[in-house]
Amino acid sequence: MADTDKYQLFHFIIATSFVLDDLRLFLDTHPTEMVALEYFQSVQTVRNEAVQKYTNYYAPICSYNVAPSDDWSWGNEPWPWEGECK
């Protein structure tokens, strides 16, 4: 995959994470809203697939995605504030 694909995938993960955070806040005050809950679950599935794809092609983006056989390499990628993510 090209670097542009990497950055697009990373930004997609950021965007879907924002949507999930916003929905989580909404569901905290509206826990019986089934449409919102179903949307949360569908976005969560899409985000999890994107995170898995990113992890498979590049590296884990958080410590929760480190494989048991990994050598704790999730922090080896450049951090966003290091200017690598565009």
N, C-alpha and C. Protein backbone atom coordinates (compact mmCIF):
# COMPACT_ATOMS: atom_id res chain seq x y z
N MET A 1 0.85 -1.18 0.00
CA MET A 1 0.00 0.00 0.00
C MET A 1 0.89 1.24 0.00
N ALA A 2 0.43 2.26 -0.65
CA ALA A 2 1.18 3.52 -0.74
C ALA A 2 0.99 4.34 0.53
N ASP A 3 1.90 5.31 0.73
CA ASP A 3 1.80 6.19 1.90
C ASP A 3 0.48 6.93 1.94
N THR A 4 -0.04 7.33 0.77
CA THR A 4 -1.32 8.05 0.77
C THR A 4 -2.43 7.14 1.28
N ASP A 5 -2.37 5.85 0.95
CA ASP A 5 -3.36 4.92 1.48
C ASP A 5 -3.25 4.82 3.00
N LYS A 6 -2.02 4.81 3.49
CA LYS A 6 -1.78 4.74 4.92
C LYS A 6 -2.40 5.95 5.62
N TYR A 7 -2.15 7.13 5.08
CA TYR A 7 -2.68 8.35 5.70
C TYR A 7 -4.20 8.41 5.59
N GLN A 8 -4.75 7.99 4.46
CA GLN A 8 -6.20 7.98 4.31
C GLN A 8 -6.84 7.03 5.31
N LEU A 9 -6.26 5.86 5.46
CA LEU A 9 -6.78 4.88 6.41
C LEU A 9 -6.68 5.41 7.84
N PHE A 10 -5.55 6.02 8.18
CA PHE A 10 -5.38 6.58 9.51
C PHE A 10 -6.41 7.68 9.78
N HIS A 11 -6.63 8.55 8.81
CA HIS A 11 -7.62 9.62 8.99
C HIS A 11 -9.04 9.06 9.06
N PHE A 12 -9.31 7.97 8.34
CA PHE A 12 -10.61 7.32 8.44
C PHE A 12 -10.82 6.79 9.86
N ILE A 13 -9.78 6.21 10.44
CA ILE A 13 -9.87 5.70 11.81
C ILE A 13 -10.12 6.85 12.77
N ILE A 14 -9.45 7.97 12.58
CA ILE A 14 -9.67 9.15 13.43
C ILE A 14 -11.11 9.63 13.31
N ALA A 15 -11.62 9.71 12.08
CA ALA A 15 -12.98 10.21 11.86
C ALA A 15 -14.02 9.28 12.49
N THR A 16 -13.86 7.98 12.29
CA THR A 16 -14.84 7.06 12.87
C THR A 16 -14.72 7.02 14.39
N SER A 17 -13.54 7.25 14.91
CA SER A 17 -13.37 7.33 16.36
C SER A 17 -14.13 8.53 16.92
N PHE A 18 -14.07 9.65 16.20
CA PHE A 18 -14.80 10.84 16.62
C PHE A 18 -16.30 10.57 16.62
N VAL A 19 -16.79 9.91 15.58
CA VAL A 19 -18.21 9.58 15.50
C VAL A 19 -18.61 8.70 16.69
N LEU A 20 -17.79 7.70 17.00
CA LEU A 20 -18.09 6.83 18.13
C LEU A 20 -18.09 7.58 19.45
N ASP A 21 -17.14 8.50 19.62
CA ASP A 21 -17.11 9.30 20.85
C ASP A 21 -18.37 10.15 20.98
N ASP A 22 -18.78 10.75 19.88
CA ASP A 22 -19.97 11.58 19.89
C ASP A 22 -21.22 10.74 20.18
N LEU A 23 -21.31 9.59 19.54
CA LEU A 23 -22.45 8.70 19.79
C LEU A 23 -22.45 8.19 21.22
N ARG A 24 -21.28 7.92 21.76
CA ARG A 24 -21.19 7.44 23.14
C ARG A 24 -21.74 8.49 24.09
N LEU A 25 -21.41 9.75 23.86
CA LEU A 25 -21.94 10.82 24.70
C LEU A 25 -23.46 10.92 24.57
N PHE A 26 -23.95 10.80 23.34
CA PHE A 26 -25.40 10.84 23.13
C PHE A 26 -26.08 9.68 23.84
N LEU A 27 -25.50 8.49 23.71
CA LEU A 27 -26.11 7.31 24.32
C LEU A 27 -26.04 7.35 25.85
N ASP A 28 -25.09 8.08 26.40
CA ASP A 28 -25.03 8.24 27.85
C ASP A 28 -26.28 8.93 28.38
N THR A 29 -26.85 9.83 27.59
CA THR A 29 -28.04 10.56 28.02
C THR A 29 -29.32 10.05 27.37
N HIS A 30 -29.18 9.20 26.35
CA HIS A 30 -30.35 8.64 25.65
C HIS A 30 -30.15 7.13 25.45
N PRO A 31 -30.05 6.37 26.53
CA PRO A 31 -29.68 4.96 26.43
C PRO A 31 -30.72 4.07 25.74
N THR A 32 -31.94 4.56 25.57
CA THR A 32 -32.97 3.72 24.94
C THR A 32 -33.14 4.03 23.46
N GLU A 33 -32.34 4.91 22.90
CA GLU A 33 -32.43 5.26 21.48
C GLU A 33 -31.81 4.14 20.64
N MET A 34 -32.63 3.25 20.17
CA MET A 34 -32.16 2.07 19.45
C MET A 34 -31.49 2.40 18.12
N VAL A 35 -31.97 3.43 17.43
CA VAL A 35 -31.36 3.83 16.16
C VAL A 35 -29.91 4.27 16.40
N ALA A 36 -29.70 5.04 17.44
CA ALA A 36 -28.35 5.50 17.76
C ALA A 36 -27.47 4.32 18.17
N LEU A 37 -28.02 3.41 18.93
CA LEU A 37 -27.25 2.24 19.35
C LEU A 37 -26.86 1.37 18.15
N GLU A 38 -27.80 1.17 17.25
CA GLU A 38 -27.50 0.39 16.04
C GLU A 38 -26.45 1.08 15.18
N TYR A 39 -26.54 2.40 15.07
CA TYR A 39 -25.55 3.16 14.31
C TYR A 39 -24.18 3.06 14.99
N PHE A 40 -24.16 3.17 16.31
CA PHE A 40 -22.91 3.02 17.06
C PHE A 40 -22.27 1.67 16.74
N GLN A 41 -23.07 0.62 16.79
CA GLN A 41 -22.54 -0.72 16.55
C GLN A 41 -22.03 -0.88 15.12
N SER A 42 -22.72 -0.29 14.15
CA SER A 42 -22.26 -0.41 12.76
C SER A 42 -20.98 0.38 12.52
N VAL A 43 -20.88 1.58 13.10
CA VAL A 43 -19.65 2.38 12.96
C VAL A 43 -18.50 1.69 13.70
N GLN A 44 -18.79 1.10 14.84
CA GLN A 44 -17.77 0.40 15.60
C GLN A 44 -17.20 -0.78 14.80
N THR A 45 -18.06 -1.49 14.11
CA THR A 45 -17.62 -2.61 13.27
C THR A 45 -16.71 -2.12 12.15
N VAL A 46 -17.11 -1.05 11.48
CA VAL A 46 -16.32 -0.49 10.39
C VAL A 46 -14.97 0.02 10.90
N ARG A 47 -14.97 0.69 12.05
CA ARG A 47 -13.72 1.20 12.63
C ARG A 47 -12.81 0.05 13.02
N ASN A 48 -13.36 -0.97 13.66
CA ASN A 48 -12.54 -2.11 14.06
C ASN A 48 -11.89 -2.79 12.86
N GLU A 49 -12.62 -2.88 11.75
CA GLU A 49 -12.06 -3.46 10.53
C GLU A 49 -10.93 -2.58 9.99
N ALA A 50 -11.11 -1.28 10.05
CA ALA A 50 -10.06 -0.36 9.58
C ALA A 50 -8.82 -0.44 10.47
N VAL A 51 -9.02 -0.52 11.77
CA VAL A 51 -7.89 -0.64 12.69
C VAL A 51 -7.16 -1.95 12.43
N GLN A 52 -7.89 -3.02 12.21
CA GLN A 52 -7.26 -4.31 11.92
C GLN A 52 -6.47 -4.25 10.63
N LYS A 53 -7.02 -3.61 9.62
CA LYS A 53 -6.33 -3.47 8.33
C LYS A 53 -5.04 -2.65 8.52
N TYR A 54 -5.14 -1.55 9.25
CA TYR A 54 -3.97 -0.71 9.50
C TYR A 54 -2.90 -1.51 10.25
N THR A 55 -3.33 -2.23 11.26
CA THR A 55 -2.40 -3.03 12.05
C THR A 55 -1.72 -4.09 11.20
N ASN A 56 -2.48 -4.73 10.33
CA ASN A 56 -1.91 -5.78 9.47
C ASN A 56 -0.90 -5.22 8.47
N TYR A 57 -1.20 -4.05 7.90
CA TYR A 57 -0.32 -3.49 6.86
C TYR A 57 0.84 -2.68 7.42
N TYR A 58 0.63 -2.00 8.55
CA TYR A 58 1.64 -1.05 9.02
C TYR A 58 2.15 -1.41 10.41
N ALA A 59 1.37 -1.12 11.41
CA ALA A 59 1.76 -1.39 12.79
C ALA A 59 0.55 -1.12 13.68
N PRO A 60 0.57 -1.68 14.88
CA PRO A 60 -0.52 -1.35 15.81
C PRO A 60 -0.53 0.16 16.10
N ILE A 61 -1.72 0.74 16.20
CA ILE A 61 -1.81 2.17 16.48
C ILE A 61 -2.14 2.45 17.93
N CYS A 62 -2.39 1.41 18.69
CA CYS A 62 -2.55 1.56 20.13
C CYS A 62 -2.15 0.25 20.80
N SER A 63 -1.91 0.31 22.06
CA SER A 63 -1.41 -0.87 22.77
C SER A 63 -2.42 -2.00 22.81
N TYR A 64 -3.69 -1.71 22.63
CA TYR A 64 -4.71 -2.76 22.63
C TYR A 64 -4.60 -3.67 21.41
N ASN A 65 -3.90 -3.22 20.38
CA ASN A 65 -3.79 -4.00 19.15
C ASN A 65 -2.47 -4.75 19.01
N VAL A 66 -1.68 -4.79 20.07
CA VAL A 66 -0.42 -5.53 20.03
C VAL A 66 -0.73 -7.01 20.11
N ALA A 67 -0.20 -7.76 19.15
CA ALA A 67 -0.41 -9.20 19.14
C ALA A 67 0.39 -9.85 20.26
N PRO A 68 -0.10 -10.97 20.80
CA PRO A 68 0.64 -11.64 21.88
C PRO A 68 2.07 -11.99 21.51
N SER A 69 2.32 -12.25 20.23
CA SER A 69 3.67 -12.61 19.80
C SER A 69 4.51 -11.39 19.43
N ASP A 70 3.92 -10.20 19.49
CA ASP A 70 4.62 -8.98 19.12
C ASP A 70 5.65 -8.62 20.18
N ASP A 71 6.62 -7.84 19.80
CA ASP A 71 7.68 -7.44 20.73
C ASP A 71 7.45 -6.04 21.28
N TRP A 72 6.21 -5.71 21.52
CA TRP A 72 5.80 -4.40 22.04
C TRP A 72 6.26 -3.29 21.10
N SER A 73 5.94 -3.47 19.82
CA SER A 73 6.40 -2.54 18.79
C SER A 73 5.37 -1.49 18.40
N TRP A 74 4.29 -1.39 19.13
CA TRP A 74 3.24 -0.47 18.72
C TRP A 74 3.72 0.98 18.72
N GLY A 75 4.70 1.29 19.48
CA GLY A 75 5.21 2.66 19.54
C GLY A 75 6.35 2.94 18.58
N ASN A 76 6.65 2.02 17.69
CA ASN A 76 7.76 2.21 16.76
C ASN A 76 7.42 3.12 15.59
N GLU A 77 6.16 3.25 15.26
CA GLU A 77 5.73 4.13 14.17
C GLU A 77 5.88 5.58 14.64
N PRO A 78 6.07 6.51 13.70
CA PRO A 78 6.12 7.93 14.10
C PRO A 78 4.79 8.34 14.74
N TRP A 79 4.87 9.14 15.77
CA TRP A 79 3.66 9.63 16.44
C TRP A 79 3.06 10.77 15.60
N PRO A 80 1.75 10.97 15.67
CA PRO A 80 1.12 12.02 14.87
C PRO A 80 1.76 13.39 15.05
N TRP A 81 2.18 13.73 16.27
CA TRP A 81 2.77 15.04 16.51
C TRP A 81 4.19 15.16 15.97
N GLU A 82 4.73 14.07 15.47
CA GLU A 82 6.05 14.12 14.86
C GLU A 82 5.99 14.53 13.39
N GLY A 83 4.78 14.83 12.91
CA GLY A 83 4.62 15.35 11.56
C GLY A 83 4.55 14.31 10.47
N GLU A 84 4.41 13.05 10.82
CA GLU A 84 4.38 12.00 9.81
C GLU A 84 2.99 11.78 9.23
N CYS A 85 1.96 12.08 9.97
CA CYS A 85 0.59 11.89 9.49
C CYS A 85 0.11 13.16 8.82
N LYS A 86 -0.34 13.04 7.60
CA LYS A 86 -0.76 14.21 6.85
C LYS A 86 -2.23 14.24 6.66
